Protein backbone atom coordinates (compact mmCIF):
# COMPACT_ATOMS: atom_id res chain seq x y z
CA UNK A 1 0.00 0.00 0.00
CA UNK A 2 1.37 3.49 -0.82
CA UNK A 3 2.43 5.60 2.15
CA UNK A 4 0.14 8.36 3.43
CA UNK A 5 2.52 10.91 1.91
CA UNK A 6 1.99 9.28 -1.48
CA UNK A 7 -1.78 9.14 -1.07
CA UNK A 8 -2.10 12.73 0.14
CA UNK A 9 0.12 15.09 -1.81
CA UNK A 10 -1.58 18.48 -1.34
CA UNK A 11 0.06 19.79 -4.53
CA UNK A 12 -1.06 16.88 -6.70
CA UNK A 13 -3.38 17.98 -9.50
CA UNK A 14 -6.17 15.59 -8.51
CA UNK A 15 -5.97 16.64 -4.84
CA UNK A 16 -6.08 20.29 -5.90
CA UNK A 17 -9.17 19.54 -7.96
CA UNK A 18 -10.99 17.63 -5.20
CA UNK A 19 -9.21 16.76 -1.93
CA UNK A 20 -12.32 15.55 -0.11
CA UNK A 21 -12.50 11.85 -1.11
CA UNK A 22 -8.88 11.20 -0.10
CA UNK A 23 -9.29 13.14 3.15
CA UNK A 24 -12.46 11.17 3.93
CA UNK A 25 -10.66 7.87 3.40
CA UNK A 26 -7.81 8.99 5.66
CA UNK A 27 -10.27 10.17 8.30
CA UNK A 28 -11.72 6.65 8.36
CA UNK A 29 -8.45 4.71 8.22
CA UNK A 30 -5.74 6.96 9.69
CA UNK A 31 -7.36 10.01 11.31
CA UNK A 32 -3.99 11.11 12.74
CA UNK A 33 -1.14 10.41 10.33
CA UNK A 34 2.48 11.42 9.86
CA UNK A 35 3.11 13.28 6.60
CA UNK A 36 6.72 13.22 5.56
CA UNK A 37 6.41 16.06 3.08
CA UNK A 38 4.93 18.43 5.67
CA UNK A 39 7.11 17.06 8.48
CA UNK A 40 4.00 17.04 10.66
CA UNK A 41 1.24 15.01 12.18
CA UNK A 42 -1.92 15.75 10.21
CA UNK A 43 -5.39 15.68 11.78
CA UNK A 44 -8.54 14.92 9.84
CA UNK A 45 -11.19 14.80 12.58
CA UNK A 46 -13.13 17.86 13.66
CA UNK A 47 -12.86 17.19 17.40
CA UNK A 48 -9.08 16.70 17.26
CA UNK A 49 -8.65 19.87 15.23
CA UNK A 50 -10.74 21.99 17.62
CA UNK A 51 -8.84 20.60 20.60
CA UNK A 52 -5.49 21.64 19.12
CA UNK A 53 -6.72 25.09 18.10
CA UNK A 54 -8.18 25.76 21.56
CA UNK A 55 -5.31 24.43 23.66
CA UNK A 56 -2.65 27.08 23.11
CA UNK A 57 -0.83 25.99 26.28
CA UNK A 58 -0.03 22.58 24.77
CA UNK A 59 0.12 23.54 21.09
CA UNK A 60 2.14 26.65 20.26
CA UNK A 61 1.71 28.95 17.31
CA UNK A 62 4.76 30.99 18.37
CA UNK A 63 7.90 29.00 17.34
CA UNK A 64 9.94 30.69 20.06
CA UNK A 65 8.11 28.65 22.68
CA UNK A 66 9.77 25.51 21.33
CA UNK A 67 13.22 26.96 20.67
CA UNK A 68 12.58 28.43 17.23
CA UNK A 69 13.01 31.97 15.99
CA UNK A 70 10.59 34.45 14.43
CA UNK A 71 11.72 37.27 12.09
CA UNK A 72 10.59 40.67 13.34
CA UNK A 73 8.16 41.22 10.42
CA UNK A 74 6.30 38.06 11.49
CA UNK A 75 5.66 39.16 15.08
CA UNK A 76 1.93 39.81 14.85
CA UNK A 77 -1.35 38.77 16.39
CA UNK A 78 -1.27 35.66 14.19
CA UNK A 79 2.13 34.56 15.52
CA UNK A 80 1.96 35.49 19.19
CA UNK A 81 0.22 33.19 21.64
CA UNK A 82 -1.80 34.34 24.64
CA UNK A 83 -1.13 36.13 26.91
CA UNK A 84 1.46 38.02 24.79
CA UNK A 85 -1.10 38.27 22.01
CA UNK A 86 -3.93 39.65 24.15
CA UNK A 87 -3.22 43.39 24.05
CA UNK A 88 -2.82 43.66 20.29
CA UNK A 89 -5.72 41.33 19.49
CA UNK A 90 -7.99 43.25 21.87
CA UNK A 91 -6.94 46.52 20.25
CA UNK A 92 -7.83 45.30 16.75
CA UNK A 93 -11.06 43.60 17.80
CA UNK A 94 -12.22 46.75 19.59
CA UNK A 95 -11.40 48.83 16.51
CA UNK A 96 -13.22 46.32 14.29
CA UNK A 97 -16.39 46.50 16.37
CA UNK A 98 -16.36 50.29 15.98
CA UNK A 99 -16.53 50.08 12.17
CA UNK A 100 -19.75 50.48 10.19
CA UNK A 101 -19.81 47.03 8.59
CA UNK A 102 -23.26 47.64 7.13
CA UNK A 103 -21.88 50.59 5.13
CA UNK A 104 -18.86 48.53 4.05
CA UNK A 105 -21.19 45.77 2.83
CA UNK A 106 -23.35 48.28 0.95
CA UNK A 107 -20.31 49.76 -0.81
CA UNK A 108 -19.12 46.26 -1.67
CA UNK A 109 -22.56 45.44 -3.09
CA UNK A 110 -22.40 48.57 -5.24
CA UNK A 111 -18.89 47.71 -6.46
CA UNK A 112 -19.94 44.21 -7.51
CA UNK A 113 -22.99 45.56 -9.34
CA UNK A 114 -20.71 47.96 -11.24
CA UNK A 115 -18.40 45.09 -12.20
CA UNK A 116 -21.38 43.00 -13.34
CA UNK A 117 -22.66 45.88 -15.49
CA UNK A 118 -19.32 45.97 -17.30
CA UNK A 119 -19.11 42.19 -17.72
CA UNK A 120 -22.74 41.39 -18.61
CA UNK A 121 -23.19 40.25 -22.20
CA UNK A 122 -19.53 40.83 -23.06
CA UNK A 123 -18.56 37.17 -23.34
CA UNK A 124 -16.43 34.97 -21.07
CA UNK A 125 -14.31 36.56 -18.35
CA UNK A 126 -12.10 35.42 -15.48
CA UNK A 127 -14.14 35.66 -12.30
CA UNK A 128 -10.97 35.73 -10.18
CA UNK A 129 -9.36 38.81 -11.72
CA UNK A 130 -12.63 40.56 -12.61
CA UNK A 131 -14.67 39.95 -9.44
CA UNK A 132 -12.80 38.20 -6.60
CA UNK A 133 -9.66 40.38 -6.66
CA UNK A 134 -11.35 43.83 -6.96
CA UNK A 135 -13.98 42.96 -4.36
CA UNK A 136 -11.46 41.62 -1.84
CA UNK A 137 -8.91 44.43 -2.20
CA UNK A 138 -11.64 47.06 -1.96
CA UNK A 139 -13.39 45.58 1.08
CA UNK A 140 -10.21 45.18 3.14
CA UNK A 141 -8.95 48.65 2.16
CA UNK A 142 -12.37 50.10 3.02
CA UNK A 143 -12.23 48.45 6.44
CA UNK A 144 -8.75 49.75 7.20
CA UNK A 145 -9.45 53.21 5.76
CA UNK A 146 -6.66 53.22 3.16
CA UNK A 147 -6.47 53.80 -0.57
CA UNK A 148 -6.78 50.44 -2.37
CA UNK A 149 -3.53 49.50 -4.13
CA UNK A 150 -3.75 48.61 -7.84
CA UNK A 151 -5.65 45.34 -8.04
CA UNK A 152 -3.29 43.38 -10.28
CA UNK A 153 -0.15 44.63 -8.58
CA UNK A 154 -1.35 43.70 -5.13
CA UNK A 155 -2.70 40.34 -6.33
CA UNK A 156 0.82 39.45 -7.51
CA UNK A 157 2.34 40.42 -4.13
CA UNK A 158 -0.30 38.44 -2.25
CA UNK A 159 0.16 35.43 -4.52
CA UNK A 160 3.91 35.31 -3.80
CA UNK A 161 3.26 35.54 -0.05
CA UNK A 162 0.58 32.86 -0.19
CA UNK A 163 2.76 30.49 -2.21
CA UNK A 164 5.64 30.93 0.23
CA UNK A 165 3.46 29.34 2.94
CA UNK A 166 4.23 26.08 1.13
CA UNK A 167 7.99 26.67 1.36
CA UNK A 168 8.42 23.40 3.24
CA UNK A 169 7.10 21.55 0.20
CA UNK A 170 8.91 23.76 -2.33
CA UNK A 171 11.89 25.80 -1.00
CA UNK A 172 12.04 27.84 -4.23
CA UNK A 173 8.95 29.71 -3.03
CA UNK A 174 10.60 31.14 0.07
CA UNK A 175 12.68 34.00 -1.43
CA UNK A 176 9.92 35.44 -3.66
CA UNK A 177 7.70 35.39 -0.58
CA UNK A 178 10.29 37.28 1.45
CA UNK A 179 10.55 39.98 -1.21
CA UNK A 180 6.76 40.28 -1.44
CA UNK A 181 6.46 40.61 2.35
CA UNK A 182 8.95 43.47 2.25
CA UNK A 183 6.92 45.18 -0.48
CA UNK A 184 3.81 44.81 1.64
CA UNK A 185 5.64 46.12 4.71
CA UNK A 186 6.69 49.20 2.75
CA UNK A 187 3.05 49.74 1.75
CA UNK A 188 1.87 49.48 5.36
CA UNK A 189 4.64 51.86 6.49
CA UNK A 190 3.31 54.41 3.99
CA UNK A 191 -0.17 54.10 5.54
CA UNK A 192 1.18 54.78 9.00
CA UNK A 193 3.14 57.77 7.71
CA UNK A 194 0.16 59.31 5.89
CA UNK A 195 -2.62 61.41 7.38
CA UNK A 196 -5.21 59.35 9.20
CA UNK A 197 -8.45 58.51 7.37
CA UNK A 198 -11.57 57.10 9.01
CA UNK A 199 -11.28 53.37 9.41
CA UNK A 200 -9.83 50.62 11.53
CA UNK A 201 -6.24 51.73 10.99
CA UNK A 202 -6.97 55.20 12.35
CA UNK A 203 -8.18 53.62 15.59
CA UNK A 204 -5.21 51.31 16.09
CA UNK A 205 -2.39 53.57 14.92
CA UNK A 206 -2.47 55.51 18.19
CA UNK A 207 -0.92 52.40 19.76
CA UNK A 208 2.02 52.92 17.40
CA UNK A 209 2.48 56.55 18.48
CA UNK A 210 5.91 57.64 19.73
CA UNK A 211 4.89 57.29 23.38
CA UNK A 212 3.93 53.61 22.91
CA UNK A 213 6.60 51.01 23.60
CA UNK A 214 8.60 49.88 20.58
CA UNK A 215 7.40 46.29 20.74
CA UNK A 216 3.74 47.33 20.72
CA UNK A 217 4.31 49.60 17.72
CA UNK A 218 5.98 46.70 15.91
CA UNK A 219 3.15 44.28 16.70
CA UNK A 220 0.51 46.80 15.60
CA UNK A 221 2.18 47.49 12.25
CA UNK A 222 2.79 43.82 11.58
CA UNK A 223 -0.79 42.96 12.47
CA UNK A 224 -2.06 45.64 10.09
CA UNK A 225 0.07 44.04 7.37
CA UNK A 226 -1.19 40.54 8.22
CA UNK A 227 -4.77 41.77 8.35
CA UNK A 228 -4.55 43.33 4.89
CA UNK A 229 -2.77 40.40 3.27
CA UNK A 230 -4.59 37.67 5.18
CA UNK A 231 -7.96 39.36 4.82
CA UNK A 232 -7.48 39.88 1.10
CA UNK A 233 -6.08 36.43 0.28
CA UNK A 234 -8.67 34.59 2.37
CA UNK A 235 -11.56 36.59 0.94
CA UNK A 236 -10.35 36.33 -2.66
CA UNK A 237 -10.00 32.57 -2.31
CA UNK A 238 -13.39 32.30 -0.57
CA UNK A 239 -15.08 34.34 -3.30
CA UNK A 240 -13.56 32.16 -6.03
CA UNK A 241 -14.57 28.96 -4.24
CA UNK A 242 -18.07 30.29 -3.58
CA UNK A 243 -18.55 31.26 -7.23
CA UNK A 244 -17.38 27.80 -8.31
CA UNK A 245 -19.80 26.14 -5.88
CA UNK A 246 -22.68 28.32 -7.09
CA UNK A 247 -21.88 27.49 -10.71
CA UNK A 248 -21.84 23.77 -9.86
CA UNK A 249 -25.13 24.04 -7.91
CA UNK A 250 -27.33 26.36 -10.02
CA UNK A 251 -30.25 26.10 -7.57
CA UNK A 252 -28.21 27.57 -4.71
CA UNK A 253 -28.07 31.18 -5.90
CA UNK A 254 -31.83 31.32 -6.30
CA UNK A 255 -32.31 29.86 -2.82
CA UNK A 256 -30.10 32.62 -1.42
CA UNK A 257 -32.46 35.33 -2.68
CA UNK A 258 -34.03 35.01 0.75
CA UNK A 259 -31.98 37.59 2.70
CA UNK A 260 -32.96 35.87 5.96
CA UNK A 261 -31.07 32.78 4.76
CA UNK A 262 -28.11 34.64 3.30
CA UNK A 263 -25.91 34.64 6.43
CA UNK A 264 -26.37 30.90 6.98
CA UNK A 265 -25.78 30.29 3.28
CA UNK A 266 -22.48 32.19 3.29
CA UNK A 267 -21.26 30.14 6.25
CA UNK A 268 -22.20 26.93 4.47
CA UNK A 269 -20.36 27.94 1.30
CA UNK A 270 -17.21 28.42 3.38
CA UNK A 271 -17.67 25.11 5.19
CA UNK A 272 -18.38 23.24 1.97
CA UNK A 273 -15.25 24.43 0.14
CA UNK A 274 -13.29 26.81 2.33
CA UNK A 275 -10.18 28.83 1.51
CA UNK A 276 -7.76 27.87 4.31
CA UNK A 277 -6.87 24.17 4.20
CA UNK A 278 -5.05 23.94 7.51
CA UNK A 279 -2.71 25.53 10.00
CA UNK A 280 0.36 24.47 11.97
CA UNK A 281 0.97 24.18 15.70
CA UNK A 282 3.95 22.75 17.60
CA UNK A 283 3.59 20.53 20.66
CA UNK A 284 5.08 22.17 23.73
CA UNK A 285 4.90 18.98 25.78
CA UNK A 286 4.13 15.29 25.35
CA UNK A 287 0.49 14.53 24.63
CA UNK A 288 -1.73 12.10 22.83
CA UNK A 289 -4.16 12.68 19.98
CA UNK A 290 -6.34 9.65 19.40
CA UNK A 291 -3.97 6.71 19.73
CA UNK A 292 -0.91 8.68 18.60
CA UNK A 293 1.77 9.91 20.99
CA UNK A 294 2.95 13.41 20.10
CA UNK A 295 6.43 14.39 21.27
CA UNK A 296 7.52 17.89 22.31
CA UNK A 297 8.69 19.88 19.29
CA UNK A 298 6.66 17.87 16.77
CA UNK A 299 4.37 19.82 14.46
CA UNK A 300 0.65 19.16 14.22
CA UNK A 301 -1.51 20.30 11.30
CA UNK A 302 -5.30 20.40 11.74
CA UNK A 303 -6.64 19.96 8.22
CA UNK A 304 -9.66 22.24 8.06
CA UNK A 305 -10.72 20.79 4.72
CA UNK A 306 -11.09 17.36 6.35
CA UNK A 307 -12.56 18.61 9.64
CA UNK A 308 -15.27 20.61 7.85
CA UNK A 309 -16.48 17.42 6.11
CA UNK A 310 -16.37 15.23 9.26
CA UNK A 311 -19.72 13.40 9.53
CA UNK A 312 -19.23 13.20 13.30
CA UNK A 313 -19.60 17.00 13.40
CA UNK A 314 -21.83 17.74 10.39
CA UNK A 315 -24.91 15.87 9.23
CA UNK A 316 -24.79 15.25 5.45
CA UNK A 317 -21.24 16.57 5.57
CA UNK A 318 -20.60 16.21 1.83
CA UNK A 319 -23.80 18.01 0.85
CA UNK A 320 -24.34 21.74 0.39
CA UNK A 321 -27.01 22.57 2.99
CA UNK A 322 -27.56 26.31 2.80
CA UNK A 323 -29.74 26.54 5.90
CA UNK A 324 -27.40 24.41 8.03
CA UNK A 325 -27.63 25.30 11.72
CA UNK A 326 -25.62 25.17 13.81
CA UNK A 327 -22.58 25.44 11.57
CA UNK A 328 -19.44 25.74 13.70
CA UNK A 329 -17.04 25.17 10.81
CA UNK A 330 -13.32 25.90 10.85
CA UNK A 331 -13.25 27.95 7.66
CA UNK A 332 -11.87 30.98 9.52
CA UNK A 333 -9.90 29.02 12.11
CA UNK A 334 -10.80 28.72 15.77
CA UNK A 335 -9.64 29.98 19.13
CA UNK A 336 -7.12 32.77 19.81
CA UNK A 337 -5.78 32.70 16.24
CA UNK A 338 -9.14 32.74 14.47
CA UNK A 339 -9.25 35.24 11.62
CA UNK A 340 -9.77 38.78 12.97
CA UNK A 341 -11.66 39.80 9.87
CA UNK A 342 -14.24 37.01 9.83
CA UNK A 343 -17.20 39.39 9.99
CA UNK A 344 -15.78 41.47 7.14
CA UNK A 345 -15.22 38.41 4.95
CA UNK A 346 -18.81 37.36 5.60
CA UNK A 347 -20.01 40.85 4.66
CA UNK A 348 -18.07 40.69 1.38
CA UNK A 349 -19.57 37.31 0.49
CA UNK A 350 -23.07 38.50 1.32
CA UNK A 351 -22.53 41.55 -0.89
CA UNK A 352 -21.35 39.32 -3.75
CA UNK A 353 -24.34 36.97 -3.59
CA UNK A 354 -26.88 39.76 -3.17
CA UNK A 355 -25.43 41.58 -6.19
CA UNK A 356 -25.55 38.43 -8.32
CA UNK A 357 -29.22 38.04 -7.42
CA UNK A 358 -30.02 41.74 -7.90
CA UNK A 359 -28.44 41.92 -11.36
CA UNK A 360 -30.57 40.99 -14.39
CA UNK A 361 -27.80 38.92 -16.00
CA UNK A 362 -27.42 35.24 -15.09
CA UNK A 363 -24.07 33.82 -13.96
CA UNK A 364 -22.95 30.79 -15.99
CA UNK A 365 -19.81 28.70 -16.31
CA UNK A 366 -17.63 29.31 -19.36
CA UNK A 367 -15.05 26.55 -18.97
CA UNK A 368 -13.09 24.66 -16.36
CA UNK A 369 -11.31 26.64 -13.67
CA UNK A 370 -7.62 26.25 -12.89
CA UNK A 371 -6.76 25.67 -9.26
CA UNK A 372 -3.80 27.53 -7.79
CA UNK A 373 -0.97 25.13 -6.93
CA UNK A 374 -0.91 25.90 -3.22
CA UNK A 375 -1.42 23.60 -0.25
CA UNK A 376 -2.27 26.05 2.54
CA UNK A 377 -4.83 28.10 0.63
CA UNK A 378 -7.43 26.54 -1.65
CA UNK A 379 -7.98 29.04 -4.42
CA UNK A 380 -8.43 29.45 -8.15
CA UNK A 381 -5.88 30.94 -10.50
CA UNK A 382 -8.60 31.41 -13.10
CA UNK A 383 -12.32 30.69 -13.14
CA UNK A 384 -14.00 31.27 -16.54
CA UNK A 385 -17.56 32.56 -16.30
CA UNK A 386 -20.09 34.56 -18.28
CA UNK A 387 -23.04 36.80 -17.49
CA UNK A 388 -25.91 35.98 -19.81
CA UNK A 389 -28.55 38.60 -20.54
């Protein structure tokens, strides 16, 4: 029998197309398995994944807790563990709650309608570059209160950063990712140097004022960078996946005309085919997951894609159930490192779906999409579509 590493190669073309059958088989036969390529224990069950994400005392996100190092640009709310993380995360969450998300969603809805007006009846187009990228850049920039960078230029920077997350599988991706992170850091520095505009950044930048301690200023700037990049890349991937799911299930878009069902439907689209495939933690001490002994210093990867299809957690786990409730999926992570911008991503997806239903043209597939060759983020490089009048 082939090894698990042979059976589950996250960069294999067939896995990129549809990872769920292989993950389901592994969940049944080897729910906790060692993956040589990732150098990690991989988890396929929902309960195991939630346990690891919750238990930050046993499973570290911060490599320094197990003798590793972290470059200064990576010291952010997504790297730090509680309690070191608490101050910066609280600052950003408080600023997020102060934003007018309804207005952000309305502006996103208007933007999508404008894009649809341009694309309707004009033949096939790439839904990634024409809808997912502009929507995601604009929504995150709107939230932060900054001028959106050029769509294509920023998409290229984000793509290099996203691909570098798979540097363990392909070391050639590391250096382009480092360069892209520096470009993004320069962009964020320019935001902090410019005059404040209304938005989340205006509320958090006071923590980076000269009278704040140097470490706090560093964490705030880095978190702003992570929030822009992570918010954009996650939303762009989620939009592409959602569009693909809607094209494959033509009845779904019509069902989501009911605005009362829209929020539940957006959550289900993310559970069904979410953007983030997994995340890494490192065991701080000896423990056991299932029947497997985990040693200190060993990495553990909860595979969200597998956990979100676990029949022990979700009835009809492989079906798209738009009114699913409850729906405690892991599409945005869980615990202290859950995505800060979850509510904004949900607003962007609601705006997308509402605009598709409000526009007179009908969304249709115009060819097979091409999946991006990345393991951490499940996304499309291109997704051909058409708007038929």
